[in-house]
Amino acid sequence: MNFSVVVRKLKQLFSIDELMLEGGGVLNGSFLNEDLIDELSLVIVPIVDGASNSVTLFEMDSSMKQQPSANFSLKSVEKLADDGLWLKYVTRRD
């Protein structure tokens, strides 16, 4: 699926200017690969389960045209209850 076309149609047909991705690694990787991510918001909590089959934040399918690595700049850090951290980044396009 071409997510650039999807985003453009959402803008044209429904005046949607912003999307929040709550997908898995493949959906996130697809949007990242098409340079459609402006911000990255991560919540880190001090819990470890030791699973070795965890999905990564960004997964790239072998059929995707690989783009250069994405770079992010730290925008803010917020300490949450129970020692969690909320990290906010903006995409660097340099």
PDB file of N, CA and C in Angstrom:
ATOM      1  N   MET A   1       0.847  -1.170   0.000  1.00  0.00           N
ATOM      2  CA  MET A   1       0.000   0.000   0.000  1.00  0.00           C
ATOM      3  C   MET A   1       0.894   1.235   0.000  1.00  0.00           C
ATOM      4  N   ASN A   2       0.533   2.206  -0.782  1.00  0.00           N
ATOM      5  CA  ASN A   2       1.282   3.456  -0.858  1.00  0.00           C
ATOM      6  C   ASN A   2       0.682   4.438   0.145  1.00  0.00           C
ATOM      7  N   PHE A   3       1.340   4.598   1.291  1.00  0.00           N
ATOM      8  CA  PHE A   3       0.797   5.441   2.347  1.00  0.00           C
ATOM      9  C   PHE A   3       0.885   6.927   2.017  1.00  0.00           C
ATOM     10  N   SER A   4       1.761   7.312   1.125  1.00  0.00           N
ATOM     11  CA  SER A   4       1.802   8.708   0.680  1.00  0.00           C
ATOM     12  C   SER A   4       0.488   9.072  -0.008  1.00  0.00           C
ATOM     13  N   VAL A   5      -0.033   8.158  -0.808  1.00  0.00           N
ATOM     14  CA  VAL A   5      -1.321   8.374  -1.481  1.00  0.00           C
ATOM     15  C   VAL A   5      -2.448   8.400  -0.451  1.00  0.00           C
ATOM     16  N   VAL A   6      -2.410   7.492   0.503  1.00  0.00           N
ATOM     17  CA  VAL A   6      -3.431   7.444   1.554  1.00  0.00           C
ATOM     18  C   VAL A   6      -3.475   8.766   2.315  1.00  0.00           C
ATOM     19  N   VAL A   7      -2.321   9.259   2.731  1.00  0.00           N
ATOM     20  CA  VAL A   7      -2.254  10.513   3.484  1.00  0.00           C
ATOM     21  C   VAL A   7      -2.768  11.674   2.641  1.00  0.00           C
ATOM     22  N   ARG A   8      -2.380  11.708   1.379  1.00  0.00           N
ATOM     23  CA  ARG A   8      -2.837  12.781   0.486  1.00  0.00           C
ATOM     24  C   ARG A   8      -4.360  12.744   0.322  1.00  0.00           C
ATOM     25  N   LYS A   9      -4.949  11.557   0.161  1.00  0.00           N
ATOM     26  CA  LYS A   9      -6.400  11.435   0.013  1.00  0.00           C
ATOM     27  C   LYS A   9      -7.133  11.808   1.296  1.00  0.00           C
ATOM     28  N   LEU A  10      -6.587  11.449   2.444  1.00  0.00           N
ATOM     29  CA  LEU A  10      -7.202  11.852   3.712  1.00  0.00           C
ATOM     30  C   LEU A  10      -7.237  13.369   3.842  1.00  0.00           C
ATOM     31  N   LYS A  11      -6.177  14.013   3.380  1.00  0.00           N
ATOM     32  CA  LYS A  11      -6.111  15.480   3.405  1.00  0.00           C
ATOM     33  C   LYS A  11      -7.145  16.070   2.442  1.00  0.00           C
ATOM     34  N   GLN A  12      -7.172  15.574   1.209  1.00  0.00           N
ATOM     35  CA  GLN A  12      -8.062  16.123   0.187  1.00  0.00           C
ATOM     36  C   GLN A  12      -9.540  15.871   0.488  1.00  0.00           C
ATOM     37  N   LEU A  13      -9.871  14.653   0.874  1.00  0.00           N
ATOM     38  CA  LEU A  13     -11.264  14.275   1.040  1.00  0.00           C
ATOM     39  C   LEU A  13     -11.868  14.651   2.393  1.00  0.00           C
ATOM     40  N   PHE A  14     -11.018  14.642   3.444  1.00  0.00           N
ATOM     41  CA  PHE A  14     -11.551  14.837   4.788  1.00  0.00           C
ATOM     42  C   PHE A  14     -10.869  15.959   5.568  1.00  0.00           C
ATOM     43  N   SER A  15      -9.967  16.694   4.924  1.00  0.00           N
ATOM     44  CA  SER A  15      -9.230  17.804   5.565  1.00  0.00           C
ATOM     45  C   SER A  15      -8.471  17.358   6.811  1.00  0.00           C
ATOM     46  N   ILE A  16      -7.969  16.133   6.785  1.00  0.00           N
ATOM     47  CA  ILE A  16      -7.189  15.610   7.912  1.00  0.00           C
ATOM     48  C   ILE A  16      -5.741  16.045   7.730  1.00  0.00           C
ATOM     49  N   ASP A  17      -5.236  16.807   8.707  1.00  0.00           N
ATOM     50  CA  ASP A  17      -3.869  17.331   8.634  1.00  0.00           C
ATOM     51  C   ASP A  17      -2.875  16.514   9.452  1.00  0.00           C
ATOM     52  N   GLU A  18      -3.364  15.824  10.476  1.00  0.00           N
ATOM     53  CA  GLU A  18      -2.477  15.065  11.356  1.00  0.00           C
ATOM     54  C   GLU A  18      -3.045  13.675  11.608  1.00  0.00           C
ATOM     55  N   LEU A  19      -2.143  12.711  11.681  1.00  0.00           N
ATOM     56  CA  LEU A  19      -2.493  11.340  12.034  1.00  0.00           C
ATOM     57  C   LEU A  19      -1.634  10.910  13.209  1.00  0.00           C
ATOM     58  N   MET A  20      -2.190  10.075  14.053  1.00  0.00           N
ATOM     59  CA  MET A  20      -1.398   9.474  15.106  1.00  0.00           C
ATOM     60  C   MET A  20      -1.321   7.976  14.799  1.00  0.00           C
ATOM     61  N   LEU A  21      -0.113   7.495  14.594  1.00  0.00           N
ATOM     62  CA  LEU A  21       0.084   6.070  14.340  1.00  0.00           C
ATOM     63  C   LEU A  21       0.151   5.334  15.660  1.00  0.00           C
ATOM     64  N   GLU A  22      -0.626   4.309  15.780  1.00  0.00           N
ATOM     65  CA  GLU A  22      -0.540   3.424  16.940  1.00  0.00           C
ATOM     66  C   GLU A  22      -0.397   1.999  16.439  1.00  0.00           C
ATOM     67  N   GLY A  23       0.343   1.887  15.357  1.00  0.00           N
ATOM     68  CA  GLY A  23       0.495   0.597  14.718  1.00  0.00           C
ATOM     69  C   GLY A  23       1.640  -0.202  15.308  1.00  0.00           C
ATOM     70  N   GLY A  24       1.853  -1.328  14.716  1.00  0.00           N
ATOM     71  CA  GLY A  24       2.997  -2.144  15.065  1.00  0.00           C
ATOM     72  C   GLY A  24       4.202  -1.731  14.248  1.00  0.00           C
ATOM     73  N   GLY A  25       5.255  -2.500  14.360  1.00  0.00           N
ATOM     74  CA  GLY A  25       6.500  -2.171  13.696  1.00  0.00           C
ATOM     75  C   GLY A  25       6.413  -2.093  12.185  1.00  0.00           C
ATOM     76  N   VAL A  26       5.568  -2.925  11.554  1.00  0.00           N
ATOM     77  CA  VAL A  26       5.464  -2.929  10.095  1.00  0.00           C
ATOM     78  C   VAL A  26       4.767  -1.664   9.608  1.00  0.00           C
ATOM     79  N   LEU A  27       3.646  -1.285  10.237  1.00  0.00           N
ATOM     80  CA  LEU A  27       2.951  -0.057   9.846  1.00  0.00           C
ATOM     81  C   LEU A  27       3.845   1.158  10.102  1.00  0.00           C
ATOM     82  N   ASN A  28       4.463   1.220  11.272  1.00  0.00           N
ATOM     83  CA  ASN A  28       5.372   2.328  11.584  1.00  0.00           C
ATOM     84  C   ASN A  28       6.523   2.390  10.576  1.00  0.00           C
ATOM     85  N   GLY A  29       7.089   1.243  10.257  1.00  0.00           N
ATOM     86  CA  GLY A  29       8.193   1.184   9.302  1.00  0.00           C
ATOM     87  C   GLY A  29       7.769   1.624   7.914  1.00  0.00           C
ATOM     88  N   SER A  30       6.542   1.288   7.523  1.00  0.00           N
ATOM     89  CA  SER A  30       6.036   1.697   6.216  1.00  0.00           C
ATOM     90  C   SER A  30       5.917   3.215   6.126  1.00  0.00           C
ATOM     91  N   PHE A  31       5.378   3.845   7.156  1.00  0.00           N
ATOM     92  CA  PHE A  31       5.264   5.302   7.170  1.00  0.00           C
ATOM     93  C   PHE A  31       6.642   5.950   7.230  1.00  0.00           C
ATOM     94  N   LEU A  32       7.534   5.394   8.022  1.00  0.00           N
ATOM     95  CA  LEU A  32       8.894   5.926   8.116  1.00  0.00           C
ATOM     96  C   LEU A  32       9.608   5.817   6.776  1.00  0.00           C
ATOM     97  N   ASN A  33       9.442   4.697   6.111  1.00  0.00           N
ATOM     98  CA  ASN A  33      10.104   4.463   4.834  1.00  0.00           C
ATOM     99  C   ASN A  33       9.628   5.429   3.751  1.00  0.00           C
ATOM    100  N   GLU A  34       8.405   5.952   3.892  1.00  0.00           N
ATOM    101  CA  GLU A  34       7.881   6.923   2.934  1.00  0.00           C
ATOM    102  C   GLU A  34       8.044   8.364   3.440  1.00  0.00           C
ATOM    103  N   ASP A  35       8.853   8.542   4.480  1.00  0.00           N
ATOM    104  CA  ASP A  35       9.160   9.867   5.041  1.00  0.00           C
ATOM    105  C   ASP A  35       7.897  10.605   5.473  1.00  0.00           C
ATOM    106  N   LEU A  36       6.991   9.891   6.140  1.00  0.00           N
ATOM    107  CA  LEU A  36       5.717  10.460   6.562  1.00  0.00           C
ATOM    108  C   LEU A  36       5.636  10.689   8.074  1.00  0.00           C
ATOM    109  N   ILE A  37       6.753  10.562   8.769  1.00  0.00           N
ATOM    110  CA  ILE A  37       6.740  10.758  10.220  1.00  0.00           C
ATOM    111  C   ILE A  37       7.437  12.063  10.554  1.00  0.00           C
ATOM    112  N   ASP A  38       6.701  12.959  11.217  1.00  0.00           N
ATOM    113  CA  ASP A  38       7.241  14.256  11.626  1.00  0.00           C
ATOM    114  C   ASP A  38       7.684  14.251  13.077  1.00  0.00           C
ATOM    115  N   GLU A  39       7.011  13.467  13.904  1.00  0.00           N
ATOM    116  CA  GLU A  39       7.323  13.404  15.329  1.00  0.00           C
ATOM    117  C   GLU A  39       7.288  11.962  15.805  1.00  0.00           C
ATOM    118  N   LEU A  40       8.035  11.705  16.859  1.00  0.00           N
ATOM    119  CA  LEU A  40       8.084  10.385  17.470  1.00  0.00           C
ATOM    120  C   LEU A  40       7.892  10.566  18.966  1.00  0.00           C
ATOM    121  N   SER A  41       6.934   9.865  19.523  1.00  0.00           N
ATOM    122  CA  SER A  41       6.632   9.951  20.947  1.00  0.00           C
ATOM    123  C   SER A  41       6.813   8.564  21.548  1.00  0.00           C
ATOM    124  N   LEU A  42       7.719   8.444  22.503  1.00  0.00           N
ATOM    125  CA  LEU A  42       8.011   7.151  23.133  1.00  0.00           C
ATOM    126  C   LEU A  42       7.772   7.236  24.631  1.00  0.00           C
ATOM    127  N   VAL A  43       7.109   6.246  25.157  1.00  0.00           N
ATOM    128  CA  VAL A  43       6.954   6.127  26.602  1.00  0.00           C
ATOM    129  C   VAL A  43       7.763   4.903  27.030  1.00  0.00           C
ATOM    130  N   ILE A  44       8.670   5.132  27.959  1.00  0.00           N
ATOM    131  CA  ILE A  44       9.523   4.051  28.465  1.00  0.00           C
ATOM    132  C   ILE A  44       9.155   3.804  29.919  1.00  0.00           C
ATOM    133  N   VAL A  45       8.863   2.556  30.224  1.00  0.00           N
ATOM    134  CA  VAL A  45       8.548   2.189  31.606  1.00  0.00           C
ATOM    135  C   VAL A  45       9.557   1.146  32.076  1.00  0.00           C
ATOM    136  N   PRO A  46       9.918   1.188  33.350  1.00  0.00           N
ATOM    137  CA  PRO A  46      10.940   0.264  33.855  1.00  0.00           C
ATOM    138  C   PRO A  46      10.382  -1.126  34.160  1.00  0.00           C
ATOM    139  N   ILE A  47       9.944  -1.801  33.098  1.00  0.00           N
ATOM    140  CA  ILE A  47       9.419  -3.163  33.219  1.00  0.00           C
ATOM    141  C   ILE A  47      10.117  -4.012  32.164  1.00  0.00           C
ATOM    142  N   VAL A  48      10.600  -5.164  32.550  1.00  0.00           N
ATOM    143  CA  VAL A  48      11.288  -6.054  31.624  1.00  0.00           C
ATOM    144  C   VAL A  48      10.639  -7.426  31.719  1.00  0.00           C
ATOM    145  N   ASP A  49      10.311  -7.996  30.536  1.00  0.00           N
ATOM    146  CA  ASP A  49       9.726  -9.336  30.567  1.00  0.00           C
ATOM    147  C   ASP A  49      10.685 -10.406  30.048  1.00  0.00           C
ATOM    148  N   GLY A  50      11.782 -10.013  29.426  1.00  0.00           N
ATOM    149  CA  GLY A  50      12.782 -10.968  28.971  1.00  0.00           C
ATOM    150  C   GLY A  50      12.405 -11.736  27.713  1.00  0.00           C
ATOM    151  N   ALA A  51      11.303 -11.365  27.052  1.00  0.00           N
ATOM    152  CA  ALA A  51      10.883 -12.078  25.840  1.00  0.00           C
ATOM    153  C   ALA A  51      11.855 -11.806  24.702  1.00  0.00           C
ATOM    154  N   SER A  52      12.176 -12.836  23.943  1.00  0.00           N
ATOM    155  CA  SER A  52      13.101 -12.672  22.822  1.00  0.00           C
ATOM    156  C   SER A  52      12.370 -12.484  21.497  1.00  0.00           C
ATOM    157  N   ASN A  53      11.038 -12.559  21.514  1.00  0.00           N
ATOM    158  CA  ASN A  53      10.265 -12.428  20.272  1.00  0.00           C
ATOM    159  C   ASN A  53       9.536 -11.086  20.183  1.00  0.00           C
ATOM    160  N   SER A  54      10.015 -10.095  20.883  1.00  0.00           N
ATOM    161  CA  SER A  54       9.371  -8.785  20.881  1.00  0.00           C
ATOM    162  C   SER A  54       9.524  -8.126  19.514  1.00  0.00           C
ATOM    163  N   VAL A  55       8.469  -7.427  19.108  1.00  0.00           N
ATOM    164  CA  VAL A  55       8.482  -6.704  17.839  1.00  0.00           C
ATOM    165  C   VAL A  55       9.223  -5.387  18.042  1.00  0.00           C
ATOM    166  N   THR A  56       9.988  -4.987  17.035  1.00  0.00           N
ATOM    167  CA  THR A  56      10.693  -3.715  17.126  1.00  0.00           C
ATOM    168  C   THR A  56       9.738  -2.576  16.799  1.00  0.00           C
ATOM    169  N   LEU A  57      10.150  -1.367  17.083  1.00  0.00           N
ATOM    170  CA  LEU A  57       9.334  -0.186  16.867  1.00  0.00           C
ATOM    171  C   LEU A  57       9.117   0.083  15.379  1.00  0.00           C
ATOM    172  N   PHE A  58      10.146  -0.176  14.570  1.00  0.00           N
ATOM    173  CA  PHE A  58      10.070   0.022  13.128  1.00  0.00           C
ATOM    174  C   PHE A  58      10.581  -1.222  12.430  1.00  0.00           C
ATOM    175  N   GLU A  59       9.716  -1.867  11.655  1.00  0.00           N
ATOM    176  CA  GLU A  59      10.083  -3.058  10.893  1.00  0.00           C
ATOM    177  C   GLU A  59      10.055  -2.698   9.407  1.00  0.00           C
ATOM    178  N   MET A  60      11.071  -3.088   8.672  1.00  0.00           N
ATOM    179  CA  MET A  60      11.112  -2.856   7.233  1.00  0.00           C
ATOM    180  C   MET A  60      10.973  -4.190   6.520  1.00  0.00           C
ATOM    181  N   ASP A  61       9.985  -4.283   5.663  1.00  0.00           N
ATOM    182  CA  ASP A  61       9.762  -5.480   4.865  1.00  0.00           C
ATOM    183  C   ASP A  61      10.806  -5.528   3.752  1.00  0.00           C
ATOM    184  N   SER A  62      11.221  -6.707   3.371  1.00  0.00           N
ATOM    185  CA  SER A  62      12.252  -6.844   2.338  1.00  0.00           C
ATOM    186  C   SER A  62      11.800  -6.322   0.974  1.00  0.00           C
ATOM    187  N   SER A  63      10.485  -6.195   0.774  1.00  0.00           N
ATOM    188  CA  SER A  63       9.980  -5.692  -0.505  1.00  0.00           C
ATOM    189  C   SER A  63      10.017  -4.162  -0.596  1.00  0.00           C
ATOM    190  N   MET A  64      10.267  -3.493   0.535  1.00  0.00           N
ATOM    191  CA  MET A  64      10.296  -2.027   0.543  1.00  0.00           C
ATOM    192  C   MET A  64      11.602  -1.501  -0.026  1.00  0.00           C
ATOM    193  N   LYS A  65      11.494  -0.399  -0.753  1.00  0.00           N
ATOM    194  CA  LYS A  65      12.697   0.298  -1.200  1.00  0.00           C
ATOM    195  C   LYS A  65      13.310   0.963   0.035  1.00  0.00           C
ATOM    196  N   GLN A  66      14.512   0.564   0.367  1.00  0.00           N
ATOM    197  CA  GLN A  66      15.139   1.067   1.589  1.00  0.00           C
ATOM    198  C   GLN A  66      15.594   2.514   1.431  1.00  0.00           C
ATOM    199  N   GLN A  67      15.155   3.340   2.348  1.00  0.00           N
ATOM    200  CA  GLN A  67      15.514   4.753   2.381  1.00  0.00           C
ATOM    201  C   GLN A  67      16.679   4.940   3.357  1.00  0.00           C
ATOM    202  N   PRO A  68      17.338   6.106   3.299  1.00  0.00           N
ATOM    203  CA  PRO A  68      18.382   6.390   4.282  1.00  0.00           C
ATOM    204  C   PRO A  68      17.812   6.387   5.706  1.00  0.00           C
ATOM    205  N   SER A  69      18.661   6.198   6.675  1.00  0.00           N
ATOM    206  CA  SER A  69      18.229   6.186   8.068  1.00  0.00           C
ATOM    207  C   SER A  69      17.555   7.493   8.441  1.00  0.00           C
ATOM    208  N   ALA A  70      16.551   7.399   9.301  1.00  0.00           N
ATOM    209  CA  ALA A  70      15.852   8.588   9.796  1.00  0.00           C
ATOM    210  C   ALA A  70      16.582   9.097  11.036  1.00  0.00           C
ATOM    211  N   ASN A  71      16.659  10.393  11.152  1.00  0.00           N
ATOM    212  CA  ASN A  71      17.286  11.024  12.314  1.00  0.00           C
ATOM    213  C   ASN A  71      16.256  11.855  13.055  1.00  0.00           C
ATOM    214  N   PHE A  72      16.333  11.831  14.362  1.00  0.00           N
ATOM    215  CA  PHE A  72      15.399  12.571  15.198  1.00  0.00           C
ATOM    216  C   PHE A  72      16.166  13.443  16.180  1.00  0.00           C
ATOM    217  N   SER A  73      15.563  14.582  16.535  1.00  0.00           N
ATOM    218  CA  SER A  73      16.125  15.470  17.556  1.00  0.00           C
ATOM    219  C   SER A  73      15.187  15.472  18.754  1.00  0.00           C
ATOM    220  N   LEU A  74      15.777  15.409  19.938  1.00  0.00           N
ATOM    221  CA  LEU A  74      14.986  15.390  21.159  1.00  0.00           C
ATOM    222  C   LEU A  74      14.282  16.726  21.360  1.00  0.00           C
ATOM    223  N   LYS A  75      12.970  16.671  21.525  1.00  0.00           N
ATOM    224  CA  LYS A  75      12.145  17.868  21.729  1.00  0.00           C
ATOM    225  C   LYS A  75      11.877  18.091  23.210  1.00  0.00           C
ATOM    226  N   SER A  76      11.547  16.998  23.930  1.00  0.00           N
ATOM    227  CA  SER A  76      11.267  17.132  25.362  1.00  0.00           C
ATOM    228  C   SER A  76      11.331  15.773  26.055  1.00  0.00           C
ATOM    229  N   VAL A  77      11.508  15.844  27.366  1.00  0.00           N
ATOM    230  CA  VAL A  77      11.500  14.658  28.221  1.00  0.00           C
ATOM    231  C   VAL A  77      10.617  14.973  29.417  1.00  0.00           C
ATOM    232  N   GLU A  78       9.726  14.062  29.732  1.00  0.00           N
ATOM    233  CA  GLU A  78       8.853  14.252  30.896  1.00  0.00           C
ATOM    234  C   GLU A  78       8.910  13.011  31.763  1.00  0.00           C
ATOM    235  N   LYS A  79       9.161  13.216  33.055  1.00  0.00           N
ATOM    236  CA  LYS A  79       9.154  12.085  33.993  1.00  0.00           C
ATOM    237  C   LYS A  79       7.712  11.781  34.356  1.00  0.00           C
ATOM    238  N   LEU A  80       7.342  10.519  34.249  1.00  0.00           N
ATOM    239  CA  LEU A  80       5.988  10.075  34.543  1.00  0.00           C
ATOM    240  C   LEU A  80       5.924   9.377  35.891  1.00  0.00           C
ATOM    241  N   ALA A  81       4.720   9.128  36.340  1.00  0.00           N
ATOM    242  CA  ALA A  81       4.540   8.372  37.583  1.00  0.00           C
ATOM    243  C   ALA A  81       5.174   6.992  37.432  1.00  0.00           C
ATOM    244  N   ASP A  82       5.574   6.416  38.525  1.00  0.00           N
ATOM    245  CA  ASP A  82       6.187   5.079  38.542  1.00  0.00           C
ATOM    246  C   ASP A  82       7.473   5.019  37.727  1.00  0.00           C
ATOM    247  N   ASP A  83       8.201   6.142  37.661  1.00  0.00           N
ATOM    248  CA  ASP A  83       9.525   6.233  37.048  1.00  0.00           C
ATOM    249  C   ASP A  83       9.551   6.022  35.534  1.00  0.00           C
ATOM    250  N   GLY A  84       8.447   6.221  34.875  1.00  0.00           N
ATOM    251  CA  GLY A  84       8.426   6.160  33.420  1.00  0.00           C
ATOM    252  C   GLY A  84       8.947   7.461  32.825  1.00  0.00           C
ATOM    253  N   LEU A  85       9.296   7.420  31.559  1.00  0.00           N
ATOM    254  CA  LEU A  85       9.741   8.600  30.833  1.00  0.00           C
ATOM    255  C   LEU A  85       8.937   8.736  29.549  1.00  0.00           C
ATOM    256  N   TRP A  86       8.585   9.974  29.215  1.00  0.00           N
ATOM    257  CA  TRP A  86       7.917  10.267  27.951  1.00  0.00           C
ATOM    258  C   TRP A  86       8.881  11.111  27.136  1.00  0.00           C
ATOM    259  N   LEU A  87       9.405  10.524  26.069  1.00  0.00           N
ATOM    260  CA  LEU A  87      10.372  11.186  25.202  1.00  0.00           C
ATOM    261  C   LEU A  87       9.675  11.627  23.927  1.00  0.00           C
ATOM    262  N   LYS A  88       9.868  12.870  23.558  1.00  0.00           N
ATOM    263  CA  LYS A  88       9.280  13.391  22.327  1.00  0.00           C
ATOM    264  C   LYS A  88      10.403  13.865  21.416  1.00  0.00           C
ATOM    265  N   TYR A  89      10.330  13.425  20.174  1.00  0.00           N
ATOM    266  CA  TYR A  89      11.358  13.757  19.168  1.00  0.00           C
ATOM    267  C   TYR A  89      10.693  14.378  17.941  1.00  0.00           C
ATOM    268  N   VAL A  90      11.417  15.186  17.229  1.00  0.00           N
ATOM    269  CA  VAL A  90      10.985  15.685  15.926  1.00  0.00           C
ATOM    270  C   VAL A  90      11.968  15.133  14.882  1.00  0.00           C
ATOM    271  N   THR A  91      11.433  14.889  13.711  1.00  0.00           N
ATOM    272  CA  THR A  91      12.245  14.365  12.624  1.00  0.00           C
ATOM    273  C   THR A  91      13.206  15.442  12.122  1.00  0.00           C
ATOM    274  N   ARG A  92      14.473  15.090  12.005  1.00  0.00           N
ATOM    275  CA  ARG A  92      15.466  15.995  11.415  1.00  0.00           C
ATOM    276  C   ARG A  92      15.542  15.710   9.935  1.00  0.00           C
ATOM    277  N   ARG A  93      15.405  16.730   9.162  1.00  0.00           N
ATOM    278  CA  ARG A  93      15.507  16.587   7.705  1.00  0.00           C
ATOM    279  C   ARG A  93      16.649  17.451   7.230  1.00  0.00           C
ATOM    280  N   ASP A  94      17.884  16.949   7.406  1.00  0.00           N
ATOM    281  CA  ASP A  94      19.051  17.721   6.974  1.00  0.00           C
ATOM    282  C   ASP A  94      19.873  16.992   5.950  1.00  0.00           C
TER     283      ASP A  94
END
